[in-house]
């Protein structure tokens, strides 16, 4: 139990990430989560999504290309402000398949 969503994100991030881990996120994104990851000693890899080429959102292909052996967590913010984009059921299914294969946590 937490006092709200931000505290939940703090608890999850601080519990699951260790020094040397990598968390994949987006630029733009919800940057308070980045700070939580950094407090854990993790590195944040921001993938740029402010482009029509990406439909203004993260794709499983982008995540797959960016992953390394140190990648432990993916942050998906939905809906993503200031862009207002959301992920479709098809998008989510593709992320789930990737996450299961790579054994990543999603936040």
PDB file of N, CA and C in Angstrom:
ATOM      1  N   UNK A   1       0.849  -1.166   0.000  1.00  0.00           N
ATOM      2  CA  UNK A   1       0.000   0.000   0.000  1.00  0.00           C
ATOM      3  C   UNK A   1       0.897   1.232   0.000  1.00  0.00           C
ATOM      4  N   UNK A   2       0.457   2.223  -0.748  1.00  0.00           N
ATOM      5  CA  UNK A   2       1.198   3.475  -0.817  1.00  0.00           C
ATOM      6  C   UNK A   2       0.229   4.641  -0.721  1.00  0.00           C
ATOM      7  N   UNK A   3       0.785   5.800  -0.606  1.00  0.00           N
ATOM      8  CA  UNK A   3      -0.015   7.022  -0.523  1.00  0.00           C
ATOM      9  C   UNK A   3      -0.455   7.525  -1.894  1.00  0.00           C
ATOM     10  N   UNK A   4       0.017   6.912  -2.969  1.00  0.00           N
ATOM     11  CA  UNK A   4      -0.371   7.345  -4.305  1.00  0.00           C
ATOM     12  C   UNK A   4       0.518   6.720  -5.363  1.00  0.00           C
ATOM     13  N   UNK A   5       0.257   7.090  -6.612  1.00  0.00           N
ATOM     14  CA  UNK A   5       0.977   6.516  -7.742  1.00  0.00           C
ATOM     15  C   UNK A   5       2.463   6.800  -7.740  1.00  0.00           C
ATOM     16  N   UNK A   6       2.839   8.032  -7.399  1.00  0.00           N
ATOM     17  CA  UNK A   6       4.260   8.383  -7.420  1.00  0.00           C
ATOM     18  C   UNK A   6       5.031   7.592  -6.370  1.00  0.00           C
ATOM     19  N   UNK A   7       4.447   7.424  -5.196  1.00  0.00           N
ATOM     20  CA  UNK A   7       5.120   6.619  -4.173  1.00  0.00           C
ATOM     21  C   UNK A   7       5.243   5.170  -4.629  1.00  0.00           C
ATOM     22  N   UNK A   8       4.248   4.648  -5.302  1.00  0.00           N
ATOM     23  CA  UNK A   8       4.320   3.284  -5.836  1.00  0.00           C
ATOM     24  C   UNK A   8       5.469   3.154  -6.821  1.00  0.00           C
ATOM     25  N   UNK A   9       5.590   4.143  -7.710  1.00  0.00           N
ATOM     26  CA  UNK A   9       6.682   4.119  -8.683  1.00  0.00           C
ATOM     27  C   UNK A   9       8.035   4.166  -7.983  1.00  0.00           C
ATOM     28  N   UNK A  10       8.125   4.967  -6.932  1.00  0.00           N
ATOM     29  CA  UNK A  10       9.349   5.048  -6.149  1.00  0.00           C
ATOM     30  C   UNK A  10       9.688   3.691  -5.537  1.00  0.00           C
ATOM     31  N   UNK A  11       8.722   3.074  -4.880  1.00  0.00           N
ATOM     32  CA  UNK A  11       8.959   1.796  -4.206  1.00  0.00           C
ATOM     33  C   UNK A  11       9.364   0.696  -5.186  1.00  0.00           C
ATOM     34  N   UNK A  12       8.660   0.615  -6.293  1.00  0.00           N
ATOM     35  CA  UNK A  12       8.953  -0.421  -7.289  1.00  0.00           C
ATOM     36  C   UNK A  12      10.343  -0.216  -7.881  1.00  0.00           C
ATOM     37  N   UNK A  13      10.632   1.021  -8.261  1.00  0.00           N
ATOM     38  CA  UNK A  13      11.916   1.308  -8.888  1.00  0.00           C
ATOM     39  C   UNK A  13      13.068   1.055  -7.927  1.00  0.00           C
ATOM     40  N   UNK A  14      12.941   1.526  -6.702  1.00  0.00           N
ATOM     41  CA  UNK A  14      14.015   1.361  -5.720  1.00  0.00           C
ATOM     42  C   UNK A  14      14.189  -0.097  -5.312  1.00  0.00           C
ATOM     43  N   UNK A  15      13.124  -0.888  -5.371  1.00  0.00           N
ATOM     44  CA  UNK A  15      13.200  -2.299  -4.985  1.00  0.00           C
ATOM     45  C   UNK A  15      13.806  -3.163  -6.093  1.00  0.00           C
ATOM     46  N   UNK A  16      13.443  -2.893  -7.334  1.00  0.00           N
ATOM     47  CA  UNK A  16      13.828  -3.775  -8.435  1.00  0.00           C
ATOM     48  C   UNK A  16      15.137  -3.421  -9.124  1.00  0.00           C
ATOM     49  N   UNK A  17      15.573  -2.170  -9.028  1.00  0.00           N
ATOM     50  CA  UNK A  17      16.796  -1.756  -9.717  1.00  0.00           C
ATOM     51  C   UNK A  17      17.985  -1.713  -8.766  1.00  0.00           C
ATOM     52  N   UNK A  18      19.120  -2.142  -9.280  1.00  0.00           N
ATOM     53  CA  UNK A  18      20.372  -2.152  -8.527  1.00  0.00           C
ATOM     54  C   UNK A  18      21.413  -1.326  -9.273  1.00  0.00           C
ATOM     55  N   UNK A  19      22.496  -0.956  -8.593  1.00  0.00           N
ATOM     56  CA  UNK A  19      23.578  -0.254  -9.281  1.00  0.00           C
ATOM     57  C   UNK A  19      24.058  -1.040 -10.506  1.00  0.00           C
ATOM     58  N   UNK A  20      24.208  -0.340 -11.620  1.00  0.00           N
ATOM     59  CA  UNK A  20      24.644  -0.969 -12.864  1.00  0.00           C
ATOM     60  C   UNK A  20      23.529  -1.419 -13.770  1.00  0.00           C
ATOM     61  N   UNK A  21      22.298  -1.493 -13.259  1.00  0.00           N
ATOM     62  CA  UNK A  21      21.155  -1.854 -14.102  1.00  0.00           C
ATOM     63  C   UNK A  21      20.823  -0.698 -15.042  1.00  0.00           C
ATOM     64  N   UNK A  22      20.081  -1.020 -16.095  1.00  0.00           N
ATOM     65  CA  UNK A  22      19.614  -0.019 -17.049  1.00  0.00           C
ATOM     66  C   UNK A  22      18.099  -0.062 -17.100  1.00  0.00           C
ATOM     67  N   UNK A  23      17.494   1.110 -17.080  1.00  0.00           N
ATOM     68  CA  UNK A  23      16.055   1.248 -17.267  1.00  0.00           C
ATOM     69  C   UNK A  23      15.833   1.992 -18.578  1.00  0.00           C
ATOM     70  N   UNK A  24      15.014   1.438 -19.454  1.00  0.00           N
ATOM     71  CA  UNK A  24      14.671   2.099 -20.709  1.00  0.00           C
ATOM     72  C   UNK A  24      13.421   2.927 -20.482  1.00  0.00           C
ATOM     73  N   UNK A  25      13.470   4.167 -20.950  1.00  0.00           N
ATOM     74  CA  UNK A  25      12.333   5.079 -20.842  1.00  0.00           C
ATOM     75  C   UNK A  25      12.244   5.894 -22.126  1.00  0.00           C
ATOM     76  N   UNK A  26      11.433   6.918 -22.107  1.00  0.00           N
ATOM     77  CA  UNK A  26      11.229   7.733 -23.308  1.00  0.00           C
ATOM     78  C   UNK A  26      11.577   9.190 -23.058  1.00  0.00           C
ATOM     79  N   UNK A  27      11.857   9.877 -24.143  1.00  0.00           N
ATOM     80  CA  UNK A  27      12.032  11.318 -24.129  1.00  0.00           C
ATOM     81  C   UNK A  27      11.079  11.882 -25.174  1.00  0.00           C
ATOM     82  N   UNK A  28      10.019  12.573 -24.739  1.00  0.00           N
ATOM     83  CA  UNK A  28       9.674  12.978 -23.390  1.00  0.00           C
ATOM     84  C   UNK A  28       9.126  11.809 -22.576  1.00  0.00           C
ATOM     85  N   UNK A  29       9.106  11.992 -21.268  1.00  0.00           N
ATOM     86  CA  UNK A  29       8.619  10.959 -20.368  1.00  0.00           C
ATOM     87  C   UNK A  29       8.249  11.557 -19.028  1.00  0.00           C
ATOM     88  N   UNK A  30       8.042  10.709 -18.060  1.00  0.00           N
ATOM     89  CA  UNK A  30       7.691  11.119 -16.700  1.00  0.00           C
ATOM     90  C   UNK A  30       8.978  11.065 -15.882  1.00  0.00           C
ATOM     91  N   UNK A  31       9.694  12.194 -15.830  1.00  0.00           N
ATOM     92  CA  UNK A  31      11.085  12.216 -15.389  1.00  0.00           C
ATOM     93  C   UNK A  31      11.304  11.950 -13.909  1.00  0.00           C
ATOM     94  N   UNK A  32      10.296  12.016 -13.097  1.00  0.00           N
ATOM     95  CA  UNK A  32      10.490  11.679 -11.686  1.00  0.00           C
ATOM     96  C   UNK A  32      10.916  10.210 -11.551  1.00  0.00           C
ATOM     97  N   UNK A  33      10.448   9.366 -12.456  1.00  0.00           N
ATOM     98  CA  UNK A  33      10.836   7.957 -12.431  1.00  0.00           C
ATOM     99  C   UNK A  33      12.330   7.820 -12.713  1.00  0.00           C
ATOM    100  N   UNK A  34      12.853   8.678 -13.572  1.00  0.00           N
ATOM    101  CA  UNK A  34      14.285   8.662 -13.872  1.00  0.00           C
ATOM    102  C   UNK A  34      15.092   8.896 -12.591  1.00  0.00           C
ATOM    103  N   UNK A  35      14.655   9.856 -11.813  1.00  0.00           N
ATOM    104  CA  UNK A  35      15.351  10.177 -10.568  1.00  0.00           C
ATOM    105  C   UNK A  35      15.332   8.978  -9.622  1.00  0.00           C
ATOM    106  N   UNK A  36      14.196   8.301  -9.537  1.00  0.00           N
ATOM    107  CA  UNK A  36      14.097   7.116  -8.683  1.00  0.00           C
ATOM    108  C   UNK A  36      15.094   6.045  -9.133  1.00  0.00           C
ATOM    109  N   UNK A  37      15.206   5.839 -10.446  1.00  0.00           N
ATOM    110  CA  UNK A  37      16.152   4.855 -10.974  1.00  0.00           C
ATOM    111  C   UNK A  37      17.585   5.253 -10.633  1.00  0.00           C
ATOM    112  N   UNK A  38      17.888   6.528 -10.800  1.00  0.00           N
ATOM    113  CA  UNK A  38      19.233   7.012 -10.504  1.00  0.00           C
ATOM    114  C   UNK A  38      19.563   6.872  -9.017  1.00  0.00           C
ATOM    115  N   UNK A  39      18.572   7.071  -8.144  1.00  0.00           N
ATOM    116  CA  UNK A  39      18.797   6.876  -6.711  1.00  0.00           C
ATOM    117  C   UNK A  39      19.155   5.426  -6.393  1.00  0.00           C
ATOM    118  N   UNK A  40      18.727   4.506  -7.244  1.00  0.00           N
ATOM    119  CA  UNK A  40      19.048   3.094  -7.078  1.00  0.00           C
ATOM    120  C   UNK A  40      20.409   2.743  -7.662  1.00  0.00           C
ATOM    121  N   UNK A  41      21.041   3.695  -8.328  1.00  0.00           N
ATOM    122  CA  UNK A  41      22.329   3.439  -8.969  1.00  0.00           C
ATOM    123  C   UNK A  41      22.202   2.944 -10.389  1.00  0.00           C
ATOM    124  N   UNK A  42      20.999   2.952 -10.924  1.00  0.00           N
ATOM    125  CA  UNK A  42      20.764   2.501 -12.297  1.00  0.00           C
ATOM    126  C   UNK A  42      20.984   3.650 -13.279  1.00  0.00           C
ATOM    127  N   UNK A  43      21.166   3.303 -14.531  1.00  0.00           N
ATOM    128  CA  UNK A  43      21.286   4.250 -15.617  1.00  0.00           C
ATOM    129  C   UNK A  43      19.976   4.258 -16.384  1.00  0.00           C
ATOM    130  N   UNK A  44      19.562   5.434 -16.827  1.00  0.00           N
ATOM    131  CA  UNK A  44      18.335   5.547 -17.616  1.00  0.00           C
ATOM    132  C   UNK A  44      18.708   5.801 -19.075  1.00  0.00           C
ATOM    133  N   UNK A  45      18.170   4.989 -19.946  1.00  0.00           N
ATOM    134  CA  UNK A  45      18.359   5.147 -21.380  1.00  0.00           C
ATOM    135  C   UNK A  45      17.062   5.685 -21.960  1.00  0.00           C
ATOM    136  N   UNK A  46      17.087   6.951 -22.376  1.00  0.00           N
ATOM    137  CA  UNK A  46      15.895   7.576 -22.951  1.00  0.00           C
ATOM    138  C   UNK A  46      15.880   7.389 -24.459  1.00  0.00           C
ATOM    139  N   UNK A  47      14.777   6.851 -24.956  1.00  0.00           N
ATOM    140  CA  UNK A  47      14.606   6.695 -26.394  1.00  0.00           C
ATOM    141  C   UNK A  47      13.723   7.828 -26.899  1.00  0.00           C
ATOM    142  N   UNK A  48      14.188   8.568 -27.914  1.00  0.00           N
ATOM    143  CA  UNK A  48      13.421   9.712 -28.409  1.00  0.00           C
ATOM    144  C   UNK A  48      12.175   9.260 -29.175  1.00  0.00           C
ATOM    145  N   UNK A  49      11.028   9.815 -28.773  1.00  0.00           N
ATOM    146  CA  UNK A  49       9.768   9.435 -29.433  1.00  0.00           C
ATOM    147  C   UNK A  49       9.013  10.634 -29.976  1.00  0.00           C
ATOM    148  N   UNK A  50       9.596  11.823 -29.868  1.00  0.00           N
ATOM    149  CA  UNK A  50       8.898  13.024 -30.320  1.00  0.00           C
ATOM    150  C   UNK A  50       9.081  13.174 -31.822  1.00  0.00           C
ATOM    151  N   UNK A  51       8.440  12.253 -32.565  1.00  0.00           N
ATOM    152  CA  UNK A  51       8.593  12.206 -34.008  1.00  0.00           C
ATOM    153  C   UNK A  51       7.427  11.450 -34.638  1.00  0.00           C
ATOM    154  N   UNK A  52       7.018  11.927 -35.806  1.00  0.00           N
ATOM    155  CA  UNK A  52       5.975  11.228 -36.549  1.00  0.00           C
ATOM    156  C   UNK A  52       6.461   9.844 -36.985  1.00  0.00           C
ATOM    157  N   UNK A  53       7.786   9.677 -37.125  1.00  0.00           N
ATOM    158  CA  UNK A  53       8.347   8.383 -37.537  1.00  0.00           C
ATOM    159  C   UNK A  53       8.024   7.280 -36.541  1.00  0.00           C
ATOM    160  N   UNK A  54       7.857   7.635 -35.266  1.00  0.00           N
ATOM    161  CA  UNK A  54       7.555   6.639 -34.236  1.00  0.00           C
ATOM    162  C   UNK A  54       6.083   6.675 -33.825  1.00  0.00           C
ATOM    163  N   UNK A  55       5.295   7.496 -34.498  1.00  0.00           N
ATOM    164  CA  UNK A  55       3.897   7.699 -34.110  1.00  0.00           C
ATOM    165  C   UNK A  55       3.812   8.309 -32.721  1.00  0.00           C
ATOM    166  N   UNK A  56       4.871   8.997 -32.330  1.00  0.00           N
ATOM    167  CA  UNK A  56       4.960   9.673 -31.031  1.00  0.00           C
ATOM    168  C   UNK A  56       4.840   8.721 -29.845  1.00  0.00           C
ATOM    169  N   UNK A  57       5.319   7.498 -30.036  1.00  0.00           N
ATOM    170  CA  UNK A  57       5.306   6.557 -28.923  1.00  0.00           C
ATOM    171  C   UNK A  57       6.415   5.525 -29.093  1.00  0.00           C
ATOM    172  N   UNK A  58       6.712   4.860 -28.012  1.00  0.00           N
ATOM    173  CA  UNK A  58       7.723   3.819 -27.980  1.00  0.00           C
ATOM    174  C   UNK A  58       7.195   2.587 -28.697  1.00  0.00           C
ATOM    175  N   UNK A  59       8.078   1.887 -29.374  1.00  0.00           N
ATOM    176  CA  UNK A  59       7.681   0.651 -30.047  1.00  0.00           C
ATOM    177  C   UNK A  59       8.508  -0.517 -29.488  1.00  0.00           C
ATOM    178  N   UNK A  60       7.966  -1.715 -29.552  1.00  0.00           N
ATOM    179  CA  UNK A  60       8.739  -2.882 -29.117  1.00  0.00           C
ATOM    180  C   UNK A  60      10.049  -3.031 -29.900  1.00  0.00           C
ATOM    181  N   UNK A  61      10.033  -2.671 -31.176  1.00  0.00           N
ATOM    182  CA  UNK A  61      11.259  -2.759 -31.972  1.00  0.00           C
ATOM    183  C   UNK A  61      12.334  -1.823 -31.434  1.00  0.00           C
ATOM    184  N   UNK A  62      11.940  -0.608 -31.039  1.00  0.00           N
ATOM    185  CA  UNK A  62      12.889   0.342 -30.467  1.00  0.00           C
ATOM    186  C   UNK A  62      13.494  -0.214 -29.179  1.00  0.00           C
ATOM    187  N   UNK A  63      12.647  -0.797 -28.349  1.00  0.00           N
ATOM    188  CA  UNK A  63      13.119  -1.360 -27.078  1.00  0.00           C
ATOM    189  C   UNK A  63      14.061  -2.531 -27.346  1.00  0.00           C
ATOM    190  N   UNK A  64      13.681  -3.396 -28.242  1.00  0.00           N
ATOM    191  CA  UNK A  64      14.501  -4.562 -28.565  1.00  0.00           C
ATOM    192  C   UNK A  64      15.886  -4.144 -29.035  1.00  0.00           C
ATOM    193  N   UNK A  65      15.960  -3.134 -29.881  1.00  0.00           N
ATOM    194  CA  UNK A  65      17.246  -2.653 -30.397  1.00  0.00           C
ATOM    195  C   UNK A  65      18.095  -2.000 -29.307  1.00  0.00           C
ATOM    196  N   UNK A  66      17.465  -1.392 -28.325  1.00  0.00           N
ATOM    197  CA  UNK A  66      18.185  -0.647 -27.291  1.00  0.00           C
ATOM    198  C   UNK A  66      18.630  -1.515 -26.118  1.00  0.00           C
ATOM    199  N   UNK A  67      18.099  -2.714 -26.008  1.00  0.00           N
ATOM    200  CA  UNK A  67      18.373  -3.558 -24.842  1.00  0.00           C
ATOM    201  C   UNK A  67      19.799  -4.083 -24.834  1.00  0.00           C
ATOM    202  N   UNK A  68      20.297  -4.254 -23.622  1.00  0.00           N
ATOM    203  CA  UNK A  68      21.594  -4.897 -23.413  1.00  0.00           C
ATOM    204  C   UNK A  68      21.426  -5.904 -22.280  1.00  0.00           C
ATOM    205  N   UNK A  69      22.505  -6.580 -21.936  1.00  0.00           N
ATOM    206  CA  UNK A  69      22.444  -7.544 -20.831  1.00  0.00           C
ATOM    207  C   UNK A  69      22.147  -6.855 -19.503  1.00  0.00           C
ATOM    208  N   UNK A  70      22.420  -5.552 -19.420  1.00  0.00           N
ATOM    209  CA  UNK A  70      22.191  -4.809 -18.180  1.00  0.00           C
ATOM    210  C   UNK A  70      20.769  -4.262 -18.072  1.00  0.00           C
ATOM    211  N   UNK A  71      19.985  -4.347 -19.143  1.00  0.00           N
ATOM    212  CA  UNK A  71      18.631  -3.804 -19.120  1.00  0.00           C
ATOM    213  C   UNK A  71      17.753  -4.656 -18.212  1.00  0.00           C
ATOM    214  N   UNK A  72      17.090  -3.983 -17.273  1.00  0.00           N
ATOM    215  CA  UNK A  72      16.274  -4.710 -16.299  1.00  0.00           C
ATOM    216  C   UNK A  72      14.831  -4.220 -16.259  1.00  0.00           C
ATOM    217  N   UNK A  73      14.584  -2.968 -16.717  1.00  0.00           N
ATOM    218  CA  UNK A  73      13.244  -2.409 -16.580  1.00  0.00           C
ATOM    219  C   UNK A  73      12.900  -1.531 -17.779  1.00  0.00           C
ATOM    220  N   UNK A  74      11.623  -1.531 -18.096  1.00  0.00           N
ATOM    221  CA  UNK A  74      11.064  -0.662 -19.131  1.00  0.00           C
ATOM    222  C   UNK A  74       9.964   0.169 -18.502  1.00  0.00           C
ATOM    223  N   UNK A  75       9.987   1.465 -18.766  1.00  0.00           N
ATOM    224  CA  UNK A  75       8.934   2.348 -18.277  1.00  0.00           C
ATOM    225  C   UNK A  75       8.006   2.693 -19.435  1.00  0.00           C
ATOM    226  N   UNK A  76       6.731   2.373 -19.289  1.00  0.00           N
ATOM    227  CA  UNK A  76       5.705   2.731 -20.273  1.00  0.00           C
ATOM    228  C   UNK A  76       4.709   3.665 -19.592  1.00  0.00           C
ATOM    229  N   UNK A  77       4.654   4.874 -20.041  1.00  0.00           N
ATOM    230  CA  UNK A  77       3.713   5.840 -19.480  1.00  0.00           C
ATOM    231  C   UNK A  77       2.555   5.973 -20.468  1.00  0.00           C
ATOM    232  N   UNK A  78       1.344   5.702 -20.009  1.00  0.00           N
ATOM    233  CA  UNK A  78       0.170   5.700 -20.881  1.00  0.00           C
ATOM    234  C   UNK A  78      -1.040   6.228 -20.120  1.00  0.00           C
ATOM    235  N   UNK A  79      -1.650   7.311 -20.556  1.00  0.00           N
ATOM    236  CA  UNK A  79      -1.276   8.134 -21.710  1.00  0.00           C
ATOM    237  C   UNK A  79      -0.055   8.987 -21.400  1.00  0.00           C
ATOM    238  N   UNK A  80       0.710   9.254 -22.427  1.00  0.00           N
ATOM    239  CA  UNK A  80       1.953   9.988 -22.285  1.00  0.00           C
ATOM    240  C   UNK A  80       1.720  11.466 -22.561  1.00  0.00           C
ATOM    241  N   UNK A  81       1.865  12.270 -21.524  1.00  0.00           N
ATOM    242  CA  UNK A  81       1.800  13.721 -21.701  1.00  0.00           C
ATOM    243  C   UNK A  81       3.213  14.224 -21.918  1.00  0.00           C
ATOM    244  N   UNK A  82       3.457  15.180 -22.728  1.00  0.00           N
ATOM    245  CA  UNK A  82       2.494  16.086 -23.343  1.00  0.00           C
ATOM    246  C   UNK A  82       1.954  15.607 -24.679  1.00  0.00           C
ATOM    247  N   UNK A  83       2.321  14.407 -25.098  1.00  0.00           N
ATOM    248  CA  UNK A  83       1.947  13.950 -26.436  1.00  0.00           C
ATOM    249  C   UNK A  83       0.528  13.413 -26.516  1.00  0.00           C
ATOM    250  N   UNK A  84      -0.013  12.915 -25.420  1.00  0.00           N
ATOM    251  CA  UNK A  84      -1.381  12.418 -25.419  1.00  0.00           C
ATOM    252  C   UNK A  84      -1.560  11.100 -26.145  1.00  0.00           C
ATOM    253  N   UNK A  85      -0.478  10.362 -26.372  1.00  0.00           N
ATOM    254  CA  UNK A  85      -0.593   9.088 -27.077  1.00  0.00           C
ATOM    255  C   UNK A  85      -0.921   7.959 -26.100  1.00  0.00           C
ATOM    256  N   UNK A  86      -1.533   6.932 -26.631  1.00  0.00           N
ATOM    257  CA  UNK A  86      -1.808   5.730 -25.847  1.00  0.00           C
ATOM    258  C   UNK A  86      -1.387   4.514 -26.666  1.00  0.00           C
ATOM    259  N   UNK A  87      -1.222   3.408 -25.981  1.00  0.00           N
ATOM    260  CA  UNK A  87      -0.839   2.163 -26.641  1.00  0.00           C
ATOM    261  C   UNK A  87      -2.080   1.327 -26.908  1.00  0.00           C
ATOM    262  N   UNK A  88      -2.110   0.707 -28.071  1.00  0.00           N
ATOM    263  CA  UNK A  88      -3.228  -0.160 -28.440  1.00  0.00           C
ATOM    264  C   UNK A  88      -3.044  -1.524 -27.781  1.00  0.00           C
ATOM    265  N   UNK A  89      -4.090  -2.326 -27.814  1.00  0.00           N
ATOM    266  CA  UNK A  89      -3.999  -3.691 -27.288  1.00  0.00           C
ATOM    267  C   UNK A  89      -2.928  -4.468 -28.050  1.00  0.00           C
ATOM    268  N   UNK A  90      -2.821  -4.237 -29.341  1.00  0.00           N
ATOM    269  CA  UNK A  90      -1.803  -4.905 -30.157  1.00  0.00           C
ATOM    270  C   UNK A  90      -0.402  -4.491 -29.705  1.00  0.00           C
ATOM    271  N   UNK A  91      -0.214  -3.184 -29.442  1.00  0.00           N
ATOM    272  CA  UNK A  91       1.079  -2.699 -28.932  1.00  0.00           C
ATOM    273  C   UNK A  91       1.434  -3.403 -27.629  1.00  0.00           C
ATOM    274  N   UNK A  92       0.491  -3.449 -26.710  1.00  0.00           N
ATOM    275  CA  UNK A  92       0.730  -4.046 -25.389  1.00  0.00           C
ATOM    276  C   UNK A  92       1.090  -5.522 -25.522  1.00  0.00           C
ATOM    277  N   UNK A  93       0.401  -6.238 -26.387  1.00  0.00           N
ATOM    278  CA  UNK A  93       0.702  -7.660 -26.589  1.00  0.00           C
ATOM    279  C   UNK A  93       2.129  -7.848 -27.103  1.00  0.00           C
ATOM    280  N   UNK A  94       2.560  -6.964 -27.991  1.00  0.00           N
ATOM    281  CA  UNK A  94       3.933  -7.048 -28.506  1.00  0.00           C
ATOM    282  C   UNK A  94       4.950  -6.752 -27.398  1.00  0.00           C
ATOM    283  N   UNK A  95       4.649  -5.768 -26.557  1.00  0.00           N
ATOM    284  CA  UNK A  95       5.543  -5.477 -25.431  1.00  0.00           C
ATOM    285  C   UNK A  95       5.608  -6.662 -24.469  1.00  0.00           C
ATOM    286  N   UNK A  96       4.472  -7.257 -24.174  1.00  0.00           N
ATOM    287  CA  UNK A  96       4.428  -8.390 -23.246  1.00  0.00           C
ATOM    288  C   UNK A  96       5.272  -9.540 -23.780  1.00  0.00           C
ATOM    289  N   UNK A  97       5.151  -9.828 -25.051  1.00  0.00           N
ATOM    290  CA  UNK A  97       5.939 -10.902 -25.658  1.00  0.00           C
ATOM    291  C   UNK A  97       7.435 -10.605 -25.517  1.00  0.00           C
ATOM    292  N   UNK A  98       7.831  -9.387 -25.797  1.00  0.00           N
ATOM    293  CA  UNK A  98       9.228  -8.984 -25.673  1.00  0.00           C
ATOM    294  C   UNK A  98       9.705  -9.063 -24.227  1.00  0.00           C
ATOM    295  N   UNK A  99       8.877  -8.575 -23.320  1.00  0.00           N
ATOM    296  CA  UNK A  99       9.256  -8.556 -21.907  1.00  0.00           C
ATOM    297  C   UNK A  99       9.412  -9.967 -21.345  1.00  0.00           C
ATOM    298  N   UNK A 100       8.533 -10.861 -21.747  1.00  0.00           N
ATOM    299  CA  UNK A 100       8.640 -12.252 -21.292  1.00  0.00           C
ATOM    300  C   UNK A 100       9.911 -12.895 -21.823  1.00  0.00           C
ATOM    301  N   UNK A 101      10.210 -12.649 -23.088  1.00  0.00           N
ATOM    302  CA  UNK A 101      11.403 -13.214 -23.704  1.00  0.00           C
ATOM    303  C   UNK A 101      12.665 -12.718 -23.039  1.00  0.00           C
ATOM    304  N   UNK A 102      12.701 -11.427 -22.717  1.00  0.00           N
ATOM    305  CA  UNK A 102      13.910 -10.821 -22.155  1.00  0.00           C
ATOM    306  C   UNK A 102      13.903 -10.766 -20.638  1.00  0.00           C
ATOM    307  N   UNK A 103      12.793 -11.149 -20.017  1.00  0.00           N
ATOM    308  CA  UNK A 103      12.659 -11.153 -18.551  1.00  0.00           C
ATOM    309  C   UNK A 103      12.893  -9.761 -17.950  1.00  0.00           C
ATOM    310  N   UNK A 104      12.188  -8.787 -18.524  1.00  0.00           N
ATOM    311  CA  UNK A 104      12.268  -7.414 -18.038  1.00  0.00           C
ATOM    312  C   UNK A 104      11.062  -7.093 -17.166  1.00  0.00           C
ATOM    313  N   UNK A 105      11.268  -6.171 -16.230  1.00  0.00           N
ATOM    314  CA  UNK A 105      10.150  -5.613 -15.477  1.00  0.00           C
ATOM    315  C   UNK A 105       9.600  -4.440 -16.265  1.00  0.00           C
ATOM    316  N   UNK A 106       8.301  -4.234 -16.177  1.00  0.00           N
ATOM    317  CA  UNK A 106       7.691  -3.060 -16.803  1.00  0.00           C
ATOM    318  C   UNK A 106       7.037  -2.243 -15.705  1.00  0.00           C
ATOM    319  N   UNK A 107       7.215  -0.931 -15.824  1.00  0.00           N
ATOM    320  CA  UNK A 107       6.671  -0.014 -14.824  1.00  0.00           C
ATOM    321  C   UNK A 107       5.818   1.000 -15.536  1.00  0.00           C
TER     322      UNK A 107
END
